[in-house]
PDB file of N, CA and C in Angstrom:
ATOM      1  N   PHE A   1    -194.881 -62.285-184.600  1.00  0.00           N
ATOM      2  CA  PHE A   1    -195.929 -62.637-185.491  1.00  0.00           C
ATOM      3  C   PHE A   1    -196.754 -61.433-185.908  1.00  0.00           C
ATOM      4  N   GLY A   2    -196.292 -60.743-186.818  1.00  0.00           N
ATOM      5  CA  GLY A   2    -197.048 -59.581-187.332  1.00  0.00           C
ATOM      6  C   GLY A   2    -196.770 -58.339-186.556  1.00  0.00           C
ATOM      7  N   GLN A   3    -195.996 -58.384-185.491  1.00  0.00           N
ATOM      8  CA  GLN A   3    -195.695 -57.154-184.735  1.00  0.00           C
ATOM      9  C   GLN A   3    -194.225 -56.906-184.793  1.00  0.00           C
ATOM     10  N   PRO A   4    -193.827 -55.617-184.829  1.00  0.00           N
ATOM     11  CA  PRO A   4    -192.422 -55.308-184.855  1.00  0.00           C
ATOM     12  C   PRO A   4    -191.763 -55.720-183.514  1.00  0.00           C
ATOM     13  N   PRO A   5    -190.463 -56.062-183.579  1.00  0.00           N
ATOM     14  CA  PRO A   5    -189.797 -56.465-182.352  1.00  0.00           C
ATOM     15  C   PRO A   5    -189.676 -55.219-181.442  1.00  0.00           C
ATOM     16  N   PRO A   6    -189.628 -55.463-180.136  1.00  0.00           N
ATOM     17  CA  PRO A   6    -189.481 -54.323-179.187  1.00  0.00           C
ATOM     18  C   PRO A   6    -188.182 -53.616-179.418  1.00  0.00           C
ATOM     19  N   VAL A   7    -188.266 -52.306-179.216  1.00  0.00           N
ATOM     20  CA  VAL A   7    -187.042 -51.496-179.431  1.00  0.00           C
ATOM     21  C   VAL A   7    -186.135 -51.690-178.182  1.00  0.00           C
ATOM     22  N   THR A   8    -184.911 -52.117-178.418  1.00  0.00           N
ATOM     23  CA  THR A   8    -183.990 -52.318-177.351  1.00  0.00           C
ATOM     24  C   THR A   8    -182.981 -51.139-177.333  1.00  0.00           C
ATOM     25  N   THR A   9    -182.557 -50.829-176.167  1.00  0.00           N
ATOM     26  CA  THR A   9    -181.533 -49.793-176.031  1.00  0.00           C
ATOM     27  C   THR A   9    -180.149 -50.466-175.915  1.00  0.00           C
ATOM     28  N   SER A  10    -179.151 -49.716-176.147  1.00  0.00           N
ATOM     29  CA  SER A  10    -177.773 -50.214-176.052  1.00  0.00           C
ATOM     30  C   SER A  10    -177.472 -50.440-174.578  1.00  0.00           C
ATOM     31  N   LEU A  11    -176.505 -51.276-174.313  1.00  0.00           N
ATOM     32  CA  LEU A  11    -176.137 -51.548-172.899  1.00  0.00           C
ATOM     33  C   LEU A  11    -175.607 -50.353-172.197  1.00  0.00           C
ATOM     34  N   PRO A  12    -174.708 -49.549-172.816  1.00  0.00           N
ATOM     35  CA  PRO A  12    -174.243 -48.369-172.072  1.00  0.00           C
ATOM     36  C   PRO A  12    -175.342 -47.370-171.722  1.00  0.00           C
ATOM     37  N   SER A  13    -176.311 -47.185-172.630  1.00  0.00           N
ATOM     38  CA  SER A  13    -177.374 -46.233-172.307  1.00  0.00           C
ATOM     39  C   SER A  13    -178.292 -46.790-171.254  1.00  0.00           C
ATOM     40  N   TYR A  14    -178.519 -48.082-171.217  1.00  0.00           N
ATOM     41  CA  TYR A  14    -179.324 -48.739-170.214  1.00  0.00           C
ATOM     42  C   TYR A  14    -178.650 -48.620-168.830  1.00  0.00           C
ATOM     43  N   VAL A  15    -177.349 -48.856-168.784  1.00  0.00           N
ATOM     44  CA  VAL A  15    -176.609 -48.747-167.549  1.00  0.00           C
ATOM     45  C   VAL A  15    -176.675 -47.336-166.989  1.00  0.00           C
ATOM     46  N   SER A  16    -176.484 -46.350-167.873  1.00  0.00           N
ATOM     47  CA  SER A  16    -176.517 -44.979-167.488  1.00  0.00           C
ATOM     48  C   SER A  16    -177.916 -44.604-166.942  1.00  0.00           C
ATOM     49  N   SER A  17    -178.955 -45.048-167.639  1.00  0.00           N
ATOM     50  CA  SER A  17    -180.297 -44.771-167.224  1.00  0.00           C
ATOM     51  C   SER A  17    -180.588 -45.469-165.874  1.00  0.00           C
ATOM     52  N   PHE A  18    -180.146 -46.681-165.735  1.00  0.00           N
ATOM     53  CA  PHE A  18    -180.396 -47.419-164.491  1.00  0.00           C
ATOM     54  C   PHE A  18    -179.658 -46.749-163.325  1.00  0.00           C
ATOM     55  N   GLN A  19    -178.420 -46.257-163.515  1.00  0.00           N
ATOM     56  CA  GLN A  19    -177.682 -45.596-162.430  1.00  0.00           C
ATOM     57  C   GLN A  19    -178.413 -44.342-162.039  1.00  0.00           C
ATOM     58  N   LYS A  20    -178.963 -43.556-162.977  1.00  0.00           N
ATOM     59  CA  LYS A  20    -179.674 -42.346-162.647  1.00  0.00           C
ATOM     60  C   LYS A  20    -180.952 -42.674-161.823  1.00  0.00           C
ATOM     61  N   ARG A  21    -181.674 -43.712-162.245  1.00  0.00           N
ATOM     62  CA  ARG A  21    -182.860 -44.108-161.475  1.00  0.00           C
ATOM     63  C   ARG A  21    -182.511 -44.627-160.089  1.00  0.00           C
ATOM     64  N   LEU A  22    -181.412 -45.334-159.993  1.00  0.00           N
ATOM     65  CA  LEU A  22    -180.984 -45.857-158.702  1.00  0.00           C
ATOM     66  C   LEU A  22    -180.579 -44.744-157.787  1.00  0.00           C
ATOM     67  N   GLN A  23    -179.872 -43.733-158.306  1.00  0.00           N
ATOM     68  CA  GLN A  23    -179.457 -42.604-157.494  1.00  0.00           C
ATOM     69  C   GLN A  23    -180.689 -41.809-157.017  1.00  0.00           C
ATOM     70  N   ALA A  24    -181.668 -41.661-157.906  1.00  0.00           N
ATOM     71  CA  ALA A  24    -182.907 -40.944-157.536  1.00  0.00           C
ATOM     72  C   ALA A  24    -183.659 -41.670-156.413  1.00  0.00           C
ATOM     73  N   ALA A  25    -183.715 -42.991-156.546  1.00  0.00           N
ATOM     74  CA  ALA A  25    -184.394 -43.805-155.536  1.00  0.00           C
ATOM     75  C   ALA A  25    -183.649 -43.692-154.218  1.00  0.00           C
ATOM     76  N   ASN A  26    -182.349 -43.711-154.266  1.00  0.00           N
ATOM     77  CA  ASN A  26    -181.503 -43.624-153.053  1.00  0.00           C
ATOM     78  C   ASN A  26    -181.743 -42.281-152.366  1.00  0.00           C
ATOM     79  N   GLN A  27    -181.749 -41.221-153.131  1.00  0.00           N
ATOM     80  CA  GLN A  27    -182.012 -39.886-152.532  1.00  0.00           C
ATOM     81  C   GLN A  27    -183.399 -39.773-151.930  1.00  0.00           C
ATOM     82  N   LEU A  28    -184.381 -40.386-152.611  1.00  0.00           N
ATOM     83  CA  LEU A  28    -185.729 -40.360-152.074  1.00  0.00           C
ATOM     84  C   LEU A  28    -185.830 -41.137-150.769  1.00  0.00           C
ATOM     85  N   ALA A  29    -185.178 -42.328-150.717  1.00  0.00           N
ATOM     86  CA  ALA A  29    -185.183 -43.120-149.538  1.00  0.00           C
ATOM     87  C   ALA A  29    -184.462 -42.389-148.376  1.00  0.00           C
ATOM     88  N   GLN A  30    -183.367 -41.722-148.638  1.00  0.00           N
ATOM     89  CA  GLN A  30    -182.661 -40.958-147.618  1.00  0.00           C
ATOM     90  C   GLN A  30    -183.528 -39.797-147.095  1.00  0.00           C
ATOM     91  N   GLN A  31    -184.259 -39.145-147.971  1.00  0.00           N
ATOM     92  CA  GLN A  31    -185.139 -38.070-147.551  1.00  0.00           C
ATOM     93  C   GLN A  31    -186.273 -38.558-146.704  1.00  0.00           C
ATOM     94  N   HIS A  32    -186.868 -39.709-147.027  1.00  0.00           N
ATOM     95  CA  HIS A  32    -187.908 -40.308-146.234  1.00  0.00           C
ATOM     96  C   HIS A  32    -187.369 -40.741-144.881  1.00  0.00           C
ATOM     97  N   LEU A  33    -186.119 -41.289-144.860  1.00  0.00           N
ATOM     98  CA  LEU A  33    -185.507 -41.680-143.600  1.00  0.00           C
ATOM     99  C   LEU A  33    -185.264 -40.497-142.677  1.00  0.00           C
ATOM    100  N   ARG A  34    -184.799 -39.359-143.234  1.00  0.00           N
ATOM    101  CA  ARG A  34    -184.586 -38.181-142.420  1.00  0.00           C
ATOM    102  C   ARG A  34    -185.920 -37.689-141.854  1.00  0.00           C
ATOM    103  N   THR A  35    -186.987 -37.716-142.678  1.00  0.00           N
ATOM    104  CA  THR A  35    -188.271 -37.255-142.224  1.00  0.00           C
ATOM    105  C   THR A  35    -188.795 -38.144-141.147  1.00  0.00           C
ATOM    106  N   ALA A  36    -188.718 -39.490-141.300  1.00  0.00           N
ATOM    107  CA  ALA A  36    -189.148 -40.398-140.298  1.00  0.00           C
ATOM    108  C   ALA A  36    -188.356 -40.293-138.992  1.00  0.00           C
ATOM    109  N   LYS A  37    -187.065 -40.070-139.096  1.00  0.00           N
ATOM    110  CA  LYS A  37    -186.216 -39.954-137.970  1.00  0.00           C
ATOM    111  C   LYS A  37    -186.593 -38.712-137.146  1.00  0.00           C
ATOM    112  N   ALA A  38    -186.842 -37.588-137.834  1.00  0.00           N
ATOM    113  CA  ALA A  38    -187.250 -36.370-137.152  1.00  0.00           C
ATOM    114  C   ALA A  38    -188.589 -36.520-136.490  1.00  0.00           C
ATOM    115  N   SER A  39    -189.549 -37.232-137.150  1.00  0.00           N
ATOM    116  CA  SER A  39    -190.822 -37.441-136.575  1.00  0.00           C
ATOM    117  C   SER A  39    -190.752 -38.328-135.348  1.00  0.00           C
ATOM    118  N   MET A  40    -189.952 -39.370-135.363  1.00  0.00           N
ATOM    119  CA  MET A  40    -189.790 -40.237-134.193  1.00  0.00           C
ATOM    120  C   MET A  40    -189.126 -39.491-133.085  1.00  0.00           C
ATOM    121  N   LYS A  41    -188.170 -38.641-133.359  1.00  0.00           N
ATOM    122  CA  LYS A  41    -187.469 -37.906-132.289  1.00  0.00           C
ATOM    123  C   LYS A  41    -188.442 -36.923-131.672  1.00  0.00           C
ATOM    124  N   ARG A  42    -189.220 -36.268-132.499  1.00  0.00           N
ATOM    125  CA  ARG A  42    -190.182 -35.280-131.922  1.00  0.00           C
ATOM    126  C   ARG A  42    -191.202 -36.001-131.042  1.00  0.00           C
ATOM    127  N   ARG A  43    -191.732 -37.185-131.473  1.00  0.00           N
ATOM    128  CA  ARG A  43    -192.667 -37.919-130.673  1.00  0.00           C
ATOM    129  C   ARG A  43    -192.041 -38.405-129.355  1.00  0.00           C
ATOM    130  N   PHE A  44    -190.796 -38.861-129.399  1.00  0.00           N
ATOM    131  CA  PHE A  44    -190.129 -39.328-128.174  1.00  0.00           C
ATOM    132  C   PHE A  44    -189.898 -38.144-127.230  1.00  0.00           C
ATOM    133  N   ASP A  45    -189.451 -37.026-127.767  1.00  0.00           N
ATOM    134  CA  ASP A  45    -189.190 -35.871-126.930  1.00  0.00           C
ATOM    135  C   ASP A  45    -190.441 -35.297-126.243  1.00  0.00           C
ATOM    136  N   GLN A  46    -191.591 -35.485-126.867  1.00  0.00           N
ATOM    137  CA  GLN A  46    -192.811 -34.993-126.251  1.00  0.00           C
ATOM    138  C   GLN A  46    -193.169 -35.802-124.990  1.00  0.00           C
ATOM    139  N   LYS A  47    -192.883 -37.059-125.000  1.00  0.00           N
ATOM    140  CA  LYS A  47    -193.269 -37.936-123.888  1.00  0.00           C
ATOM    141  C   LYS A  47    -192.149 -38.134-122.848  1.00  0.00           C
ATOM    142  N   SER A  48    -190.954 -37.736-123.167  1.00  0.00           N
ATOM    143  CA  SER A  48    -189.869 -37.995-122.236  1.00  0.00           C
ATOM    144  C   SER A  48    -189.670 -36.821-121.340  1.00  0.00           C
ATOM    145  N   SER A  49    -189.113 -37.072-120.177  1.00  0.00           N
ATOM    146  CA  SER A  49    -188.752 -36.016-119.233  1.00  0.00           C
ATOM    147  C   SER A  49    -187.388 -36.337-118.651  1.00  0.00           C
ATOM    148  N   SER A  50    -186.616 -35.272-118.425  1.00  0.00           N
ATOM    149  CA  SER A  50    -185.274 -35.547-117.884  1.00  0.00           C
ATOM    150  C   SER A  50    -185.417 -35.642-116.345  1.00  0.00           C
ATOM    151  N   ARG A  51    -184.598 -36.503-115.824  1.00  0.00           N
ATOM    152  CA  ARG A  51    -184.615 -36.733-114.367  1.00  0.00           C
ATOM    153  C   ARG A  51    -183.362 -36.132-113.754  1.00  0.00           C
ATOM    154  N   VAL A  52    -183.568 -35.373-112.693  1.00  0.00           N
ATOM    155  CA  VAL A  52    -182.419 -34.747-112.013  1.00  0.00           C
ATOM    156  C   VAL A  52    -182.199 -35.547-110.756  1.00  0.00           C
ATOM    157  N   LEU A  53    -181.045 -36.168-110.630  1.00  0.00           N
ATOM    158  CA  LEU A  53    -180.705 -37.005-109.478  1.00  0.00           C
ATOM    159  C   LEU A  53    -179.898 -36.160-108.482  1.00  0.00           C
ATOM    160  N   GLN A  54    -180.169 -36.318-107.246  1.00  0.00           N
ATOM    161  CA  GLN A  54    -179.473 -35.587-106.199  1.00  0.00           C
ATOM    162  C   GLN A  54    -178.605 -36.636-105.432  1.00  0.00           C
ATOM    163  N   ILE A  55    -177.597 -36.131-104.761  1.00  0.00           N
ATOM    164  CA  ILE A  55    -176.767 -37.029-103.953  1.00  0.00           C
ATOM    165  C   ILE A  55    -177.589 -37.589-102.868  1.00  0.00           C
ATOM    166  N   GLY A  56    -177.541 -38.935-102.713  1.00  0.00           N
ATOM    167  CA  GLY A  56    -178.354 -39.609-101.681  1.00  0.00           C
ATOM    168  C   GLY A  56    -179.576 -40.307-102.249  1.00  0.00           C
ATOM    169  N   ASP A  57    -179.944 -40.010-103.487  1.00  0.00           N
ATOM    170  CA  ASP A  57    -181.080 -40.675-104.122  1.00  0.00           C
ATOM    171  C   ASP A  57    -180.768 -42.152-104.343  1.00  0.00           C
ATOM    172  N   GLN A  58    -181.754 -43.031-104.128  1.00  0.00           N
ATOM    173  CA  GLN A  58    -181.541 -44.460-104.377  1.00  0.00           C
ATOM    174  C   GLN A  58    -181.867 -44.722-105.851  1.00  0.00           C
ATOM    175  N   VAL A  59    -180.889 -45.447-106.473  1.00  0.00           N
ATOM    176  CA  VAL A  59    -181.054 -45.779-107.899  1.00  0.00           C
ATOM    177  C   VAL A  59    -180.712 -47.263-108.103  1.00  0.00           C
ATOM    178  N   LEU A  60    -181.158 -47.853-109.165  1.00  0.00           N
ATOM    179  CA  LEU A  60    -180.759 -49.196-109.551  1.00  0.00           C
ATOM    180  C   LEU A  60    -179.572 -49.141-110.512  1.00  0.00           C
ATOM    181  N   ILE A  61    -178.608 -50.019-110.290  1.00  0.00           N
ATOM    182  CA  ILE A  61    -177.464 -50.055-111.184  1.00  0.00           C
ATOM    183  C   ILE A  61    -177.423 -51.447-111.786  1.00  0.00           C
ATOM    184  N   LEU A  62    -176.910 -51.486-113.038  1.00  0.00           N
ATOM    185  CA  LEU A  62    -176.842 -52.743-113.750  1.00  0.00           C
ATOM    186  C   LEU A  62    -175.629 -53.511-113.212  1.00  0.00           C
ATOM    187  N   ASN A  63    -175.875 -54.808-112.936  1.00  0.00           N
ATOM    188  CA  ASN A  63    -174.774 -55.686-112.421  1.00  0.00           C
ATOM    189  C   ASN A  63    -174.200 -56.440-113.662  1.00  0.00           C
ATOM    190  N   PRO A  64    -173.043 -56.008-114.184  1.00  0.00           N
ATOM    191  CA  PRO A  64    -172.543 -56.589-115.460  1.00  0.00           C
ATOM    192  C   PRO A  64    -171.871 -57.930-115.284  1.00  0.00           C
ATOM    193  N   THR A  65    -171.794 -58.480-114.101  1.00  0.00           N
ATOM    194  CA  THR A  65    -171.119 -59.762-113.902  1.00  0.00           C
ATOM    195  C   THR A  65    -171.965 -60.902-114.528  1.00  0.00           C
ATOM    196  N   VAL A  66    -171.289 -61.845-115.091  1.00  0.00           N
ATOM    197  CA  VAL A  66    -171.961 -62.984-115.661  1.00  0.00           C
ATOM    198  C   VAL A  66    -172.216 -63.992-114.558  1.00  0.00           C
ATOM    199  N   GLY A  67    -173.451 -64.319-114.351  1.00  0.00           N
ATOM    200  CA  GLY A  67    -173.828 -65.290-113.311  1.00  0.00           C
ATOM    201  C   GLY A  67    -174.887 -66.197-113.787  1.00  0.00           C
ATOM    202  N   SER A  68    -175.573 -66.824-112.892  1.00  0.00           N
ATOM    203  CA  SER A  68    -176.641 -67.709-113.252  1.00  0.00           C
ATOM    204  C   SER A  68    -177.856 -66.857-113.719  1.00  0.00           C
ATOM    205  N   SER A  69    -178.761 -67.539-114.358  1.00  0.00           N
ATOM    206  CA  SER A  69    -179.955 -66.769-114.873  1.00  0.00           C
ATOM    207  C   SER A  69    -180.857 -66.337-113.767  1.00  0.00           C
ATOM    208  N   LEU A  70    -180.648 -66.890-112.553  1.00  0.00           N
ATOM    209  CA  LEU A  70    -181.462 -66.510-111.406  1.00  0.00           C
ATOM    210  C   LEU A  70    -180.901 -65.349-110.645  1.00  0.00           C
ATOM    211  N   SER A  71    -179.641 -64.949-110.892  1.00  0.00           N
ATOM    212  CA  SER A  71    -179.065 -63.884-110.173  1.00  0.00           C
ATOM    213  C   SER A  71    -179.654 -62.518-110.642  1.00  0.00           C
ATOM    214  N   PRO A  72    -179.772 -61.540-109.744  1.00  0.00           N
ATOM    215  CA  PRO A  72    -180.396 -60.295-110.151  1.00  0.00           C
ATOM    216  C   PRO A  72    -179.528 -59.551-111.122  1.00  0.00           C
ATOM    217  N   LYS A  73    -180.161 -58.936-112.125  1.00  0.00           N
ATOM    218  CA  LYS A  73    -179.454 -58.177-113.120  1.00  0.00           C
ATOM    219  C   LYS A  73    -179.257 -56.732-112.670  1.00  0.00           C
ATOM    220  N   PHE A  74    -180.116 -56.282-111.762  1.00  0.00           N
ATOM    221  CA  PHE A  74    -180.046 -54.963-111.184  1.00  0.00           C
ATOM    222  C   PHE A  74    -179.895 -55.064-109.698  1.00  0.00           C
ATOM    223  N   GLU A  75    -179.119 -54.138-109.117  1.00  0.00           N
ATOM    224  CA  GLU A  75    -178.970 -54.131-107.632  1.00  0.00           C
ATOM    225  C   GLU A  75    -179.442 -52.753-107.158  1.00  0.00           C
TER     226      GLU A  75
END
């Protein structure tokens, strides 16, 4: 009503433009994922410590047998 119709692009040019935007978004998401992964690893490594076990140390082992819910999971 008194306004020109919106300019539409052809389907091939829209698909090409959409693919480029999708690839850019994918690359940005991968970059953020790598950054977050490195940050989480650095934070974990700051608080963790390696344990050196000697022969004769008492440790808990996981009991993988399927039993009742009341049976101990570690021995």
